[in-house]
């Protein structure tokens, strides 16, 4: 499995013969230049996870790619004319030799006065491949058997103690940061240092260079 970080929560996942793009949002850059995609996955409706203005260009350049999304944003995209498949928690979809399974269901609470929206984390598996989990914007789902956790680093709905506890609960051997566009480079460094200090000894924090493919440890 190879991962490429394209800013904020956007990941290109290359595994089991499939090229899968997760959360091409407004804070991410370079995804619109990709070709040869098998799937575009969307965890939830917030614009930092789905850029509806650049999405048509992405799909035009990847004519065979399936658009798969959390049910609420899938309904919105369908109304806007997109051909999209809703992925409910527990449902699976296959692309080449890779399988994507939905987990969770609800976005983390930002404030009691802000209505909750749907959020479906994406578990990517494939024979002979590490298992990746991208949780979207929630720490609720902690699937078993995760080898690589894409960990939201900073968010209006989280504090660093929650982030550490979630990484410990998942217990992945490898942790990579996502959801980091809302902090400065200085602030990001603070989060990274804290996580490196507090992750369990069985987890290793990786911070692959943005835009470069990173090979996940087996």
N, C-alpha and C. Protein backbone atom coordinates (compact mmCIF):
# COMPACT_ATOMS: atom_id res chain seq x y z
N UNK A 1 0.84 -1.19 0.00
CA UNK A 1 0.00 0.00 0.00
C UNK A 1 0.88 1.25 0.00
N UNK A 2 0.53 2.17 -0.90
CA UNK A 2 1.18 3.48 -0.93
C UNK A 2 0.15 4.56 -0.63
N UNK A 3 0.55 5.53 0.19
CA UNK A 3 -0.30 6.66 0.52
C UNK A 3 0.37 7.95 0.09
N UNK A 4 -0.44 8.85 -0.43
CA UNK A 4 0.05 10.19 -0.77
C UNK A 4 -0.87 11.21 -0.12
N UNK A 5 -0.29 12.05 0.73
CA UNK A 5 -1.07 13.12 1.37
C UNK A 5 -1.16 14.30 0.41
N UNK A 6 -2.40 14.77 0.18
CA UNK A 6 -2.63 15.87 -0.74
C UNK A 6 -3.21 17.08 -0.01
N UNK A 7 -2.89 17.19 1.25
CA UNK A 7 -3.32 18.33 2.05
C UNK A 7 -4.56 18.04 2.85
N UNK A 8 -4.55 18.50 4.10
CA UNK A 8 -5.66 18.36 5.03
C UNK A 8 -6.06 16.89 5.17
N UNK A 9 -7.28 16.52 4.77
CA UNK A 9 -7.73 15.14 4.96
C UNK A 9 -7.73 14.32 3.68
N UNK A 10 -7.15 14.84 2.63
CA UNK A 10 -7.18 14.16 1.33
C UNK A 10 -6.01 13.18 1.20
N UNK A 11 -6.35 11.92 0.94
CA UNK A 11 -5.35 10.87 0.77
C UNK A 11 -5.58 10.13 -0.54
N UNK A 12 -4.50 9.88 -1.27
CA UNK A 12 -4.53 8.94 -2.38
C UNK A 12 -4.01 7.61 -1.86
N UNK A 13 -4.85 6.58 -1.99
CA UNK A 13 -4.50 5.24 -1.50
C UNK A 13 -4.31 4.33 -2.71
N UNK A 14 -3.14 3.73 -2.82
CA UNK A 14 -2.85 2.78 -3.90
C UNK A 14 -2.60 1.42 -3.25
N UNK A 15 -3.56 0.51 -3.44
CA UNK A 15 -3.48 -0.79 -2.78
C UNK A 15 -4.24 -1.82 -3.56
N UNK A 16 -3.70 -3.03 -3.65
CA UNK A 16 -4.37 -4.17 -4.27
C UNK A 16 -4.86 -3.85 -5.68
N UNK A 17 -4.06 -3.09 -6.41
CA UNK A 17 -4.39 -2.77 -7.79
C UNK A 17 -5.37 -1.63 -7.96
N UNK A 18 -5.78 -0.99 -6.86
CA UNK A 18 -6.76 0.10 -6.92
C UNK A 18 -6.11 1.43 -6.57
N UNK A 19 -6.64 2.48 -7.19
CA UNK A 19 -6.26 3.86 -6.85
C UNK A 19 -7.51 4.54 -6.30
N UNK A 20 -7.48 4.86 -5.02
CA UNK A 20 -8.64 5.38 -4.31
C UNK A 20 -8.30 6.73 -3.70
N UNK A 21 -9.14 7.72 -3.97
CA UNK A 21 -8.94 9.06 -3.42
C UNK A 21 -9.99 9.30 -2.34
N UNK A 22 -9.54 9.74 -1.17
CA UNK A 22 -10.43 9.99 -0.05
C UNK A 22 -10.45 11.48 0.29
N UNK A 23 -11.64 12.05 0.39
CA UNK A 23 -11.89 13.41 0.86
C UNK A 23 -11.14 14.50 0.10
N UNK A 24 -11.45 14.67 -1.18
CA UNK A 24 -10.87 15.79 -1.95
C UNK A 24 -11.59 17.10 -1.61
N UNK A 25 -11.11 17.78 -0.59
CA UNK A 25 -11.79 18.96 -0.08
C UNK A 25 -11.15 20.27 -0.48
N UNK A 26 -11.77 21.36 -0.02
CA UNK A 26 -11.37 22.70 -0.42
C UNK A 26 -10.01 23.10 0.12
N UNK A 27 -9.53 22.45 1.19
CA UNK A 27 -8.23 22.78 1.76
C UNK A 27 -7.10 21.93 1.16
N UNK A 28 -7.43 21.08 0.19
CA UNK A 28 -6.46 20.15 -0.39
C UNK A 28 -6.09 20.59 -1.80
N UNK A 29 -4.91 20.20 -2.24
CA UNK A 29 -4.41 20.69 -3.53
C UNK A 29 -3.70 19.56 -4.29
N UNK A 30 -3.92 19.54 -5.60
CA UNK A 30 -3.25 18.58 -6.46
C UNK A 30 -4.11 17.39 -6.83
N UNK A 31 -5.19 17.16 -6.12
CA UNK A 31 -6.00 15.98 -6.44
C UNK A 31 -6.69 16.10 -7.78
N UNK A 32 -6.98 17.32 -8.21
CA UNK A 32 -7.68 17.51 -9.48
C UNK A 32 -6.82 17.15 -10.68
N UNK A 33 -5.53 16.93 -10.45
CA UNK A 33 -4.62 16.55 -11.53
C UNK A 33 -4.48 15.04 -11.65
N UNK A 34 -5.08 14.29 -10.75
CA UNK A 34 -4.92 12.84 -10.75
C UNK A 34 -5.70 12.19 -11.88
N UNK A 35 -5.17 11.08 -12.38
CA UNK A 35 -5.86 10.25 -13.37
C UNK A 35 -5.74 8.80 -12.95
N UNK A 36 -6.51 7.94 -13.60
CA UNK A 36 -6.45 6.52 -13.31
C UNK A 36 -7.07 6.11 -12.00
N UNK A 37 -7.96 6.94 -11.46
CA UNK A 37 -8.61 6.60 -10.20
C UNK A 37 -9.71 5.56 -10.40
N UNK A 38 -9.84 4.68 -9.43
CA UNK A 38 -10.94 3.71 -9.42
C UNK A 38 -12.12 4.20 -8.59
N UNK A 39 -11.84 5.03 -7.59
CA UNK A 39 -12.90 5.50 -6.71
C UNK A 39 -12.54 6.83 -6.08
N UNK A 40 -13.58 7.61 -5.81
CA UNK A 40 -13.46 8.84 -5.02
C UNK A 40 -14.41 8.68 -3.84
N UNK A 41 -13.86 8.73 -2.63
CA UNK A 41 -14.64 8.51 -1.42
C UNK A 41 -14.79 9.81 -0.64
N UNK A 42 -15.98 10.01 -0.05
CA UNK A 42 -16.25 11.22 0.72
C UNK A 42 -16.83 10.81 2.07
N UNK A 43 -16.15 11.20 3.16
CA UNK A 43 -16.58 10.79 4.49
C UNK A 43 -17.77 11.59 5.01
N UNK A 44 -17.88 12.87 4.61
CA UNK A 44 -19.00 13.69 5.05
C UNK A 44 -19.07 14.99 4.26
N UNK A 45 -20.07 15.79 4.57
CA UNK A 45 -20.48 16.90 3.71
C UNK A 45 -19.71 18.20 3.88
N UNK A 46 -18.85 18.34 4.86
CA UNK A 46 -18.19 19.63 5.07
C UNK A 46 -17.22 19.94 3.94
N UNK A 47 -17.13 21.22 3.56
CA UNK A 47 -16.35 21.58 2.36
C UNK A 47 -14.86 21.29 2.44
N UNK A 48 -14.32 21.17 3.65
CA UNK A 48 -12.89 20.81 3.72
C UNK A 48 -12.67 19.33 3.40
N UNK A 49 -13.78 18.60 3.16
CA UNK A 49 -13.68 17.18 2.80
C UNK A 49 -14.26 16.89 1.42
N UNK A 50 -15.02 17.82 0.86
CA UNK A 50 -15.55 17.65 -0.49
C UNK A 50 -15.66 19.03 -1.14
N UNK A 51 -14.90 19.24 -2.19
CA UNK A 51 -14.94 20.49 -2.96
C UNK A 51 -15.82 20.26 -4.19
N UNK A 52 -17.06 20.71 -4.11
CA UNK A 52 -18.02 20.43 -5.19
C UNK A 52 -17.70 21.21 -6.45
N UNK A 53 -16.88 22.25 -6.35
CA UNK A 53 -16.52 23.02 -7.53
C UNK A 53 -15.47 22.30 -8.37
N UNK A 54 -14.52 21.65 -7.70
CA UNK A 54 -13.47 20.93 -8.44
C UNK A 54 -13.83 19.48 -8.71
N UNK A 55 -14.86 18.98 -8.05
CA UNK A 55 -15.23 17.57 -8.22
C UNK A 55 -15.57 17.20 -9.67
N UNK A 56 -16.34 18.03 -10.41
CA UNK A 56 -16.64 17.64 -11.80
C UNK A 56 -15.39 17.46 -12.66
N UNK A 57 -14.40 18.33 -12.49
CA UNK A 57 -13.17 18.21 -13.27
C UNK A 57 -12.44 16.92 -12.91
N UNK A 58 -12.44 16.58 -11.62
CA UNK A 58 -11.79 15.36 -11.17
C UNK A 58 -12.45 14.13 -11.80
N UNK A 59 -13.78 14.11 -11.80
CA UNK A 59 -14.50 12.95 -12.33
C UNK A 59 -14.39 12.88 -13.85
N UNK A 60 -14.34 14.02 -14.51
CA UNK A 60 -14.16 14.03 -15.97
C UNK A 60 -12.81 13.44 -16.36
N UNK A 61 -11.80 13.72 -15.55
CA UNK A 61 -10.45 13.20 -15.84
C UNK A 61 -10.31 11.74 -15.44
N UNK A 62 -11.29 11.22 -14.70
CA UNK A 62 -11.27 9.83 -14.24
C UNK A 62 -12.62 9.19 -14.55
N UNK A 63 -12.85 8.99 -15.83
CA UNK A 63 -14.16 8.59 -16.33
C UNK A 63 -14.66 7.28 -15.71
N UNK A 64 -13.75 6.39 -15.34
CA UNK A 64 -14.17 5.11 -14.80
C UNK A 64 -14.29 5.09 -13.29
N UNK A 65 -14.01 6.20 -12.62
CA UNK A 65 -14.01 6.23 -11.16
C UNK A 65 -15.43 6.28 -10.61
N UNK A 66 -15.67 5.51 -9.56
CA UNK A 66 -16.96 5.54 -8.86
C UNK A 66 -16.89 6.55 -7.72
N UNK A 67 -17.93 7.35 -7.61
CA UNK A 67 -18.06 8.30 -6.51
C UNK A 67 -18.90 7.64 -5.42
N UNK A 68 -18.29 7.49 -4.24
CA UNK A 68 -18.93 6.79 -3.12
C UNK A 68 -18.86 7.72 -1.92
N UNK A 69 -20.01 7.92 -1.24
CA UNK A 69 -20.04 8.93 -0.19
C UNK A 69 -20.97 8.56 0.94
N UNK A 70 -20.74 9.17 2.09
CA UNK A 70 -21.65 9.09 3.24
C UNK A 70 -23.06 9.45 2.76
N UNK A 71 -24.08 8.79 3.26
CA UNK A 71 -25.43 8.92 2.69
C UNK A 71 -25.98 10.35 2.59
N UNK A 72 -25.74 11.21 3.58
CA UNK A 72 -26.30 12.56 3.52
C UNK A 72 -25.68 13.36 2.38
N UNK A 73 -24.36 13.33 2.25
CA UNK A 73 -23.73 14.07 1.16
C UNK A 73 -23.98 13.37 -0.17
N UNK A 74 -24.16 12.05 -0.14
CA UNK A 74 -24.51 11.34 -1.38
C UNK A 74 -25.84 11.84 -1.93
N UNK A 75 -26.82 12.06 -1.04
CA UNK A 75 -28.12 12.57 -1.48
C UNK A 75 -27.98 13.97 -2.05
N UNK A 76 -27.17 14.80 -1.42
CA UNK A 76 -26.96 16.16 -1.93
C UNK A 76 -26.28 16.15 -3.30
N UNK A 77 -25.27 15.29 -3.43
CA UNK A 77 -24.57 15.20 -4.71
C UNK A 77 -25.49 14.67 -5.80
N UNK A 78 -26.34 13.71 -5.46
CA UNK A 78 -27.29 13.17 -6.43
C UNK A 78 -28.24 14.26 -6.92
N UNK A 79 -28.72 15.09 -6.02
CA UNK A 79 -29.61 16.18 -6.39
C UNK A 79 -28.91 17.19 -7.30
N UNK A 80 -27.60 17.27 -7.19
CA UNK A 80 -26.82 18.20 -8.04
C UNK A 80 -26.42 17.57 -9.36
N UNK A 81 -26.85 16.33 -9.59
CA UNK A 81 -26.60 15.69 -10.88
C UNK A 81 -25.45 14.72 -10.92
N UNK A 82 -24.82 14.44 -9.79
CA UNK A 82 -23.70 13.49 -9.77
C UNK A 82 -24.23 12.06 -9.67
N UNK A 83 -23.53 11.14 -10.32
CA UNK A 83 -23.81 9.73 -10.15
C UNK A 83 -22.99 9.25 -8.96
N UNK A 84 -23.67 8.87 -7.89
CA UNK A 84 -22.98 8.60 -6.63
C UNK A 84 -23.63 7.43 -5.92
N UNK A 85 -22.81 6.67 -5.21
CA UNK A 85 -23.28 5.55 -4.40
C UNK A 85 -23.15 5.90 -2.93
N UNK A 86 -24.22 5.71 -2.16
CA UNK A 86 -24.17 5.96 -0.72
C UNK A 86 -23.53 4.77 -0.02
N UNK A 87 -22.63 5.07 0.90
CA UNK A 87 -21.98 4.02 1.70
C UNK A 87 -22.41 4.20 3.15
N UNK A 88 -23.20 3.26 3.64
CA UNK A 88 -23.66 3.28 5.03
C UNK A 88 -22.65 2.56 5.92
N UNK A 89 -22.65 2.85 7.22
CA UNK A 89 -21.78 2.10 8.13
C UNK A 89 -22.04 0.60 8.01
N UNK A 90 -20.98 -0.17 7.85
CA UNK A 90 -21.10 -1.61 7.70
C UNK A 90 -21.19 -2.07 6.27
N UNK A 91 -21.52 -1.16 5.34
CA UNK A 91 -21.56 -1.51 3.92
C UNK A 91 -20.15 -1.56 3.35
N UNK A 92 -19.99 -2.31 2.27
CA UNK A 92 -18.68 -2.42 1.60
C UNK A 92 -18.81 -2.20 0.11
N UNK A 93 -17.74 -1.74 -0.49
CA UNK A 93 -17.64 -1.59 -1.94
C UNK A 93 -16.25 -2.05 -2.35
N UNK A 94 -16.16 -2.69 -3.53
CA UNK A 94 -14.88 -3.23 -3.98
C UNK A 94 -14.39 -2.50 -5.21
N UNK A 95 -13.09 -2.30 -5.28
CA UNK A 95 -12.44 -1.64 -6.40
C UNK A 95 -11.15 -2.41 -6.68
N UNK A 96 -11.08 -3.06 -7.86
CA UNK A 96 -9.97 -3.97 -8.16
C UNK A 96 -9.88 -4.97 -7.00
N UNK A 97 -8.71 -5.10 -6.36
CA UNK A 97 -8.57 -6.04 -5.27
C UNK A 97 -8.77 -5.44 -3.90
N UNK A 98 -9.19 -4.17 -3.84
CA UNK A 98 -9.38 -3.48 -2.56
C UNK A 98 -10.85 -3.43 -2.18
N UNK A 99 -11.11 -3.46 -0.89
CA UNK A 99 -12.47 -3.33 -0.36
C UNK A 99 -12.52 -2.16 0.61
N UNK A 100 -13.56 -1.35 0.47
CA UNK A 100 -13.78 -0.21 1.37
C UNK A 100 -15.04 -0.49 2.17
N UNK A 101 -14.92 -0.40 3.50
CA UNK A 101 -16.04 -0.64 4.38
C UNK A 101 -16.31 0.59 5.23
N UNK A 102 -17.56 0.99 5.32
CA UNK A 102 -17.93 2.16 6.10
C UNK A 102 -17.99 1.86 7.59
N UNK A 103 -17.61 2.85 8.41
CA UNK A 103 -17.63 2.69 9.87
C UNK A 103 -18.04 4.00 10.52
N UNK A 104 -18.68 3.90 11.66
CA UNK A 104 -19.09 5.10 12.38
C UNK A 104 -20.51 5.49 12.04
N UNK A 105 -20.71 6.73 11.63
CA UNK A 105 -22.04 7.17 11.24
C UNK A 105 -22.35 8.62 11.54
N UNK A 106 -21.71 9.21 12.55
CA UNK A 106 -22.04 10.57 12.96
C UNK A 106 -20.78 11.40 13.16
N UNK A 107 -20.83 12.64 12.68
CA UNK A 107 -19.74 13.60 12.88
C UNK A 107 -19.60 13.92 14.36
N UNK A 108 -18.39 14.18 14.79
CA UNK A 108 -18.16 14.57 16.17
C UNK A 108 -18.86 15.90 16.47
N UNK A 109 -19.29 16.06 17.70
CA UNK A 109 -19.97 17.29 18.09
C UNK A 109 -18.99 18.45 18.18
N UNK A 110 -19.31 19.54 17.49
CA UNK A 110 -18.52 20.77 17.60
C UNK A 110 -19.06 21.63 18.74
N UNK A 111 -20.39 21.77 18.77
CA UNK A 111 -21.08 22.48 19.84
C UNK A 111 -22.52 22.01 19.84
N UNK A 112 -23.14 22.06 21.01
CA UNK A 112 -24.52 21.59 21.13
C UNK A 112 -25.48 22.36 20.23
N UNK A 113 -25.14 23.59 19.88
CA UNK A 113 -26.01 24.41 19.03
C UNK A 113 -25.82 24.15 17.54
N UNK A 114 -24.84 23.33 17.19
CA UNK A 114 -24.59 23.01 15.78
C UNK A 114 -25.12 21.61 15.51
N UNK A 115 -26.08 21.48 14.59
CA UNK A 115 -26.66 20.15 14.32
C UNK A 115 -25.60 19.15 13.85
N UNK A 116 -25.73 17.93 14.31
CA UNK A 116 -24.83 16.88 13.89
C UNK A 116 -25.15 16.44 12.46
N UNK A 117 -24.13 16.06 11.72
CA UNK A 117 -24.30 15.54 10.37
C UNK A 117 -23.70 14.14 10.32
N UNK A 118 -23.98 13.44 9.24
CA UNK A 118 -23.42 12.11 9.09
C UNK A 118 -21.93 12.13 8.82
N UNK A 119 -21.27 11.07 9.19
CA UNK A 119 -19.83 10.89 8.93
C UNK A 119 -19.56 9.39 8.86
N UNK A 120 -19.00 8.94 7.77
CA UNK A 120 -18.67 7.53 7.62
C UNK A 120 -17.17 7.38 7.39
N UNK A 121 -16.49 6.75 8.35
CA UNK A 121 -15.07 6.47 8.18
C UNK A 121 -14.86 5.39 7.13
N UNK A 122 -13.71 5.41 6.49
CA UNK A 122 -13.41 4.49 5.40
C UNK A 122 -12.29 3.53 5.79
N UNK A 123 -12.64 2.24 5.87
CA UNK A 123 -11.68 1.18 6.17
C UNK A 123 -11.30 0.52 4.86
N UNK A 124 -10.02 0.59 4.48
CA UNK A 124 -9.54 0.06 3.21
C UNK A 124 -8.72 -1.19 3.47
N UNK A 125 -9.14 -2.29 2.87
CA UNK A 125 -8.45 -3.57 3.04
C UNK A 125 -8.16 -4.19 1.68
N UNK A 126 -7.23 -5.13 1.65
CA UNK A 126 -6.90 -5.86 0.43
C UNK A 126 -5.98 -7.01 0.79
N UNK A 127 -6.11 -8.10 0.09
CA UNK A 127 -5.29 -9.27 0.40
C UNK A 127 -3.81 -8.93 0.27
N UNK A 128 -3.07 -9.23 1.32
CA UNK A 128 -1.64 -8.96 1.32
C UNK A 128 -1.28 -7.52 1.58
N UNK A 129 -2.27 -6.68 1.91
CA UNK A 129 -2.03 -5.25 2.12
C UNK A 129 -2.29 -4.89 3.58
N UNK A 130 -1.61 -3.84 4.09
CA UNK A 130 -1.99 -3.32 5.40
C UNK A 130 -3.42 -2.79 5.35
N UNK A 131 -4.07 -2.72 6.49
CA UNK A 131 -5.41 -2.18 6.59
C UNK A 131 -5.34 -0.73 7.03
N UNK A 132 -5.96 0.15 6.24
CA UNK A 132 -5.96 1.59 6.51
C UNK A 132 -7.33 2.02 7.02
N UNK A 133 -7.35 2.92 7.99
CA UNK A 133 -8.61 3.53 8.41
C UNK A 133 -8.50 5.04 8.37
N UNK A 134 -9.42 5.66 7.62
CA UNK A 134 -9.58 7.12 7.56
C UNK A 134 -10.90 7.42 8.26
N UNK A 135 -10.88 8.03 9.46
CA UNK A 135 -12.12 8.18 10.23
C UNK A 135 -12.98 9.36 9.84
N UNK A 136 -12.53 10.20 8.88
CA UNK A 136 -13.28 11.42 8.63
C UNK A 136 -13.18 12.32 9.85
N UNK A 137 -14.32 12.88 10.28
CA UNK A 137 -14.32 13.79 11.42
C UNK A 137 -15.04 13.16 12.61
N UNK A 138 -14.46 12.14 13.16
CA UNK A 138 -15.03 11.49 14.34
C UNK A 138 -14.01 10.56 14.95
N UNK A 139 -14.08 10.44 16.27
CA UNK A 139 -13.26 9.47 16.99
C UNK A 139 -14.12 8.34 17.54
N UNK A 140 -15.35 8.20 17.05
CA UNK A 140 -16.27 7.20 17.59
C UNK A 140 -15.91 5.77 17.16
N UNK A 141 -15.60 5.60 15.89
CA UNK A 141 -15.34 4.26 15.37
C UNK A 141 -13.86 3.90 15.54
N UNK A 142 -13.63 2.76 16.16
CA UNK A 142 -12.26 2.26 16.36
C UNK A 142 -12.22 0.81 15.91
N UNK A 143 -12.18 0.56 14.59
CA UNK A 143 -12.22 -0.82 14.09
C UNK A 143 -11.01 -1.62 14.56
N UNK A 144 -11.22 -2.92 14.64
CA UNK A 144 -10.12 -3.81 14.99
C UNK A 144 -9.27 -4.11 13.76
N UNK A 145 -8.02 -4.44 13.99
CA UNK A 145 -7.15 -4.87 12.91
C UNK A 145 -6.62 -3.77 12.02
N UNK A 146 -6.63 -2.53 12.49
CA UNK A 146 -6.12 -1.41 11.69
C UNK A 146 -4.60 -1.37 11.80
N UNK A 147 -3.92 -1.37 10.66
CA UNK A 147 -2.46 -1.28 10.63
C UNK A 147 -1.98 0.16 10.49
N UNK A 148 -2.74 0.96 9.71
CA UNK A 148 -2.37 2.35 9.45
C UNK A 148 -3.57 3.23 9.77
N UNK A 149 -3.41 4.15 10.71
CA UNK A 149 -4.47 5.08 11.07
C UNK A 149 -4.15 6.46 10.54
N UNK A 150 -5.06 7.00 9.73
CA UNK A 150 -4.97 8.40 9.32
C UNK A 150 -5.63 9.21 10.43
N UNK A 151 -4.85 9.91 11.21
CA UNK A 151 -5.31 10.51 12.46
C UNK A 151 -5.54 12.01 12.32
N UNK A 152 -6.80 12.48 12.49
CA UNK A 152 -7.06 13.92 12.48
C UNK A 152 -6.23 14.61 13.57
N UNK A 153 -5.43 15.58 13.17
CA UNK A 153 -4.47 16.17 14.08
C UNK A 153 -5.07 17.29 14.92
N UNK A 154 -5.90 18.12 14.28
CA UNK A 154 -6.49 19.26 14.97
C UNK A 154 -7.84 19.57 14.34
N UNK A 155 -8.83 19.88 15.19
CA UNK A 155 -10.18 20.15 14.69
C UNK A 155 -10.97 20.92 15.73
N UNK A 156 -12.01 21.65 15.32
CA UNK A 156 -12.85 22.37 16.29
C UNK A 156 -13.57 21.43 17.25
N UNK A 157 -13.65 20.16 16.89
CA UNK A 157 -14.38 19.18 17.71
C UNK A 157 -13.47 18.33 18.58
N UNK A 158 -12.18 18.63 18.59
CA UNK A 158 -11.25 17.75 19.31
C UNK A 158 -10.26 18.54 20.15
N UNK A 159 -9.76 17.90 21.15
CA UNK A 159 -8.59 18.41 21.89
C UNK A 159 -7.53 17.33 21.86
N UNK A 160 -6.31 17.70 22.17
CA UNK A 160 -5.20 16.78 21.95
C UNK A 160 -5.33 15.51 22.81
N UNK A 161 -5.91 15.62 24.00
CA UNK A 161 -6.10 14.43 24.82
C UNK A 161 -7.02 13.42 24.15
N UNK A 162 -8.07 13.91 23.48
CA UNK A 162 -8.97 13.03 22.74
C UNK A 162 -8.24 12.34 21.60
N UNK A 163 -7.38 13.11 20.94
CA UNK A 163 -6.62 12.57 19.81
C UNK A 163 -5.71 11.43 20.26
N UNK A 164 -5.01 11.65 21.35
CA UNK A 164 -4.11 10.62 21.89
C UNK A 164 -4.91 9.37 22.30
N UNK A 165 -6.01 9.59 23.03
CA UNK A 165 -6.81 8.45 23.49
C UNK A 165 -7.38 7.66 22.32
N UNK A 166 -7.76 8.37 21.26
CA UNK A 166 -8.29 7.67 20.09
C UNK A 166 -7.21 6.83 19.42
N UNK A 167 -6.03 7.40 19.24
CA UNK A 167 -4.93 6.64 18.63
C UNK A 167 -4.61 5.41 19.47
N UNK A 168 -4.66 5.54 20.78
CA UNK A 168 -4.41 4.39 21.65
C UNK A 168 -5.50 3.35 21.50
N UNK A 169 -6.75 3.79 21.37
CA UNK A 169 -7.87 2.86 21.25
C UNK A 169 -7.79 2.06 19.96
N UNK A 170 -7.39 2.70 18.87
CA UNK A 170 -7.27 1.99 17.59
C UNK A 170 -6.06 1.06 17.63
N UNK A 171 -4.96 1.56 18.17
CA UNK A 171 -3.78 0.71 18.35
C UNK A 171 -3.07 0.33 17.07
N UNK A 172 -3.14 1.19 16.06
CA UNK A 172 -2.47 0.89 14.79
C UNK A 172 -0.96 0.94 14.94
N UNK A 173 -0.27 0.10 14.18
CA UNK A 173 1.19 0.11 14.23
C UNK A 173 1.77 1.38 13.64
N UNK A 174 1.06 1.95 12.65
CA UNK A 174 1.51 3.18 12.01
C UNK A 174 0.42 4.24 12.09
N UNK A 175 0.83 5.46 12.40
CA UNK A 175 -0.09 6.60 12.49
C UNK A 175 0.44 7.71 11.60
N UNK A 176 -0.42 8.25 10.73
CA UNK A 176 -0.03 9.40 9.92
C UNK A 176 -1.02 10.54 10.18
N UNK A 177 -0.56 11.78 10.16
CA UNK A 177 -1.46 12.90 10.47
C UNK A 177 -2.25 13.36 9.26
N UNK A 178 -3.54 13.67 9.51
CA UNK A 178 -4.39 14.35 8.53
C UNK A 178 -5.12 15.47 9.26
N UNK A 179 -5.98 16.20 8.54
CA UNK A 179 -6.81 17.26 9.13
C UNK A 179 -5.94 18.27 9.87
N UNK A 180 -4.97 18.84 9.15
CA UNK A 180 -4.01 19.73 9.79
C UNK A 180 -3.93 21.11 9.15
N UNK A 181 -4.83 21.42 8.19
CA UNK A 181 -4.75 22.69 7.48
C UNK A 181 -5.17 23.87 8.35
N UNK A 182 -5.84 23.61 9.46
CA UNK A 182 -6.36 24.71 10.27
C UNK A 182 -5.38 25.18 11.34
N UNK A 183 -4.17 24.62 11.36
CA UNK A 183 -3.17 25.07 12.31
C UNK A 183 -1.94 25.58 11.56
N UNK A 184 -1.22 26.49 12.18
CA UNK A 184 0.02 26.99 11.58
C UNK A 184 1.08 25.92 11.63
N UNK A 185 2.17 26.14 10.93
CA UNK A 185 3.26 25.17 10.95
C UNK A 185 3.83 25.03 12.36
N UNK A 186 3.86 26.13 13.10
CA UNK A 186 4.34 26.07 14.48
C UNK A 186 3.39 25.25 15.34
N UNK A 187 2.10 25.52 15.21
CA UNK A 187 1.11 24.77 15.97
C UNK A 187 1.10 23.30 15.62
N UNK A 188 1.28 23.01 14.35
CA UNK A 188 1.32 21.62 13.91
C UNK A 188 2.47 20.88 14.60
N UNK A 189 3.59 21.55 14.70
CA UNK A 189 4.74 20.93 15.35
C UNK A 189 4.47 20.59 16.80
N UNK A 190 3.68 21.43 17.47
CA UNK A 190 3.33 21.15 18.86
C UNK A 190 2.50 19.87 18.95
N UNK A 191 1.49 19.75 18.08
CA UNK A 191 0.66 18.55 18.07
C UNK A 191 1.50 17.30 17.80
N UNK A 192 2.39 17.40 16.83
CA UNK A 192 3.21 16.24 16.46
C UNK A 192 4.09 15.82 17.63
N UNK A 193 4.71 16.78 18.31
CA UNK A 193 5.58 16.44 19.44
C UNK A 193 4.80 15.75 20.55
N UNK A 194 3.61 16.26 20.84
CA UNK A 194 2.80 15.65 21.90
C UNK A 194 2.42 14.23 21.54
N UNK A 195 1.99 14.03 20.29
CA UNK A 195 1.59 12.68 19.87
C UNK A 195 2.77 11.72 19.93
N UNK A 196 3.92 12.14 19.48
CA UNK A 196 5.09 11.27 19.51
C UNK A 196 5.43 10.86 20.95
N UNK A 197 5.20 11.76 21.90
CA UNK A 197 5.50 11.46 23.30
C UNK A 197 4.48 10.50 23.91
N UNK A 198 3.21 10.58 23.46
CA UNK A 198 2.14 9.89 24.16
C UNK A 198 1.56 8.68 23.44
N UNK A 199 1.94 8.46 22.21
CA UNK A 199 1.48 7.26 21.54
C UNK A 199 2.07 6.03 22.23
N UNK A 200 1.36 4.91 22.20
CA UNK A 200 1.91 3.69 22.81
C UNK A 200 3.16 3.22 22.08
N UNK A 201 3.98 2.44 22.75
CA UNK A 201 5.23 1.97 22.16
C UNK A 201 4.99 1.12 20.92
N UNK A 202 3.81 0.53 20.82
CA UNK A 202 3.49 -0.33 19.67
C UNK A 202 3.09 0.48 18.43
N UNK A 203 2.93 1.80 18.58
CA UNK A 203 2.55 2.65 17.44
C UNK A 203 3.72 3.57 17.07
N UNK A 204 3.92 3.72 15.76
CA UNK A 204 4.97 4.60 15.28
C UNK A 204 4.33 5.74 14.49
N UNK A 205 4.72 6.96 14.79
CA UNK A 205 4.20 8.14 14.10
C UNK A 205 5.02 8.41 12.85
N UNK A 206 4.36 8.45 11.70
CA UNK A 206 5.02 8.76 10.44
C UNK A 206 4.46 10.08 9.92
N UNK A 207 5.30 10.91 9.36
CA UNK A 207 4.86 12.19 8.81
C UNK A 207 5.39 12.32 7.38
N UNK A 208 4.83 11.54 6.45
CA UNK A 208 5.36 11.53 5.09
C UNK A 208 5.21 12.88 4.41
N UNK A 209 6.14 13.17 3.53
CA UNK A 209 6.14 14.44 2.82
C UNK A 209 4.88 14.57 1.96
N UNK A 210 4.27 15.74 2.02
CA UNK A 210 3.07 15.97 1.23
C UNK A 210 3.37 15.85 -0.25
N UNK A 211 2.52 15.14 -0.97
CA UNK A 211 2.66 15.00 -2.41
C UNK A 211 3.55 13.87 -2.84
N UNK A 212 4.21 13.20 -1.91
CA UNK A 212 5.11 12.09 -2.23
C UNK A 212 4.48 10.79 -1.76
N UNK A 213 4.54 9.75 -2.61
CA UNK A 213 3.99 8.45 -2.23
C UNK A 213 4.81 7.85 -1.10
N UNK A 214 4.14 7.35 -0.08
CA UNK A 214 4.78 6.73 1.07
C UNK A 214 4.33 5.29 1.15
N UNK A 215 5.28 4.37 1.24
CA UNK A 215 4.96 2.95 1.32
C UNK A 215 4.69 2.58 2.76
N UNK A 216 3.47 2.09 3.02
CA UNK A 216 3.09 1.71 4.37
C UNK A 216 3.84 0.43 4.77
N UNK A 217 4.34 0.39 5.99
CA UNK A 217 5.00 -0.84 6.45
C UNK A 217 4.02 -1.99 6.43
N UNK A 218 4.49 -3.16 6.09
CA UNK A 218 3.62 -4.35 6.05
C UNK A 218 3.15 -4.73 7.44
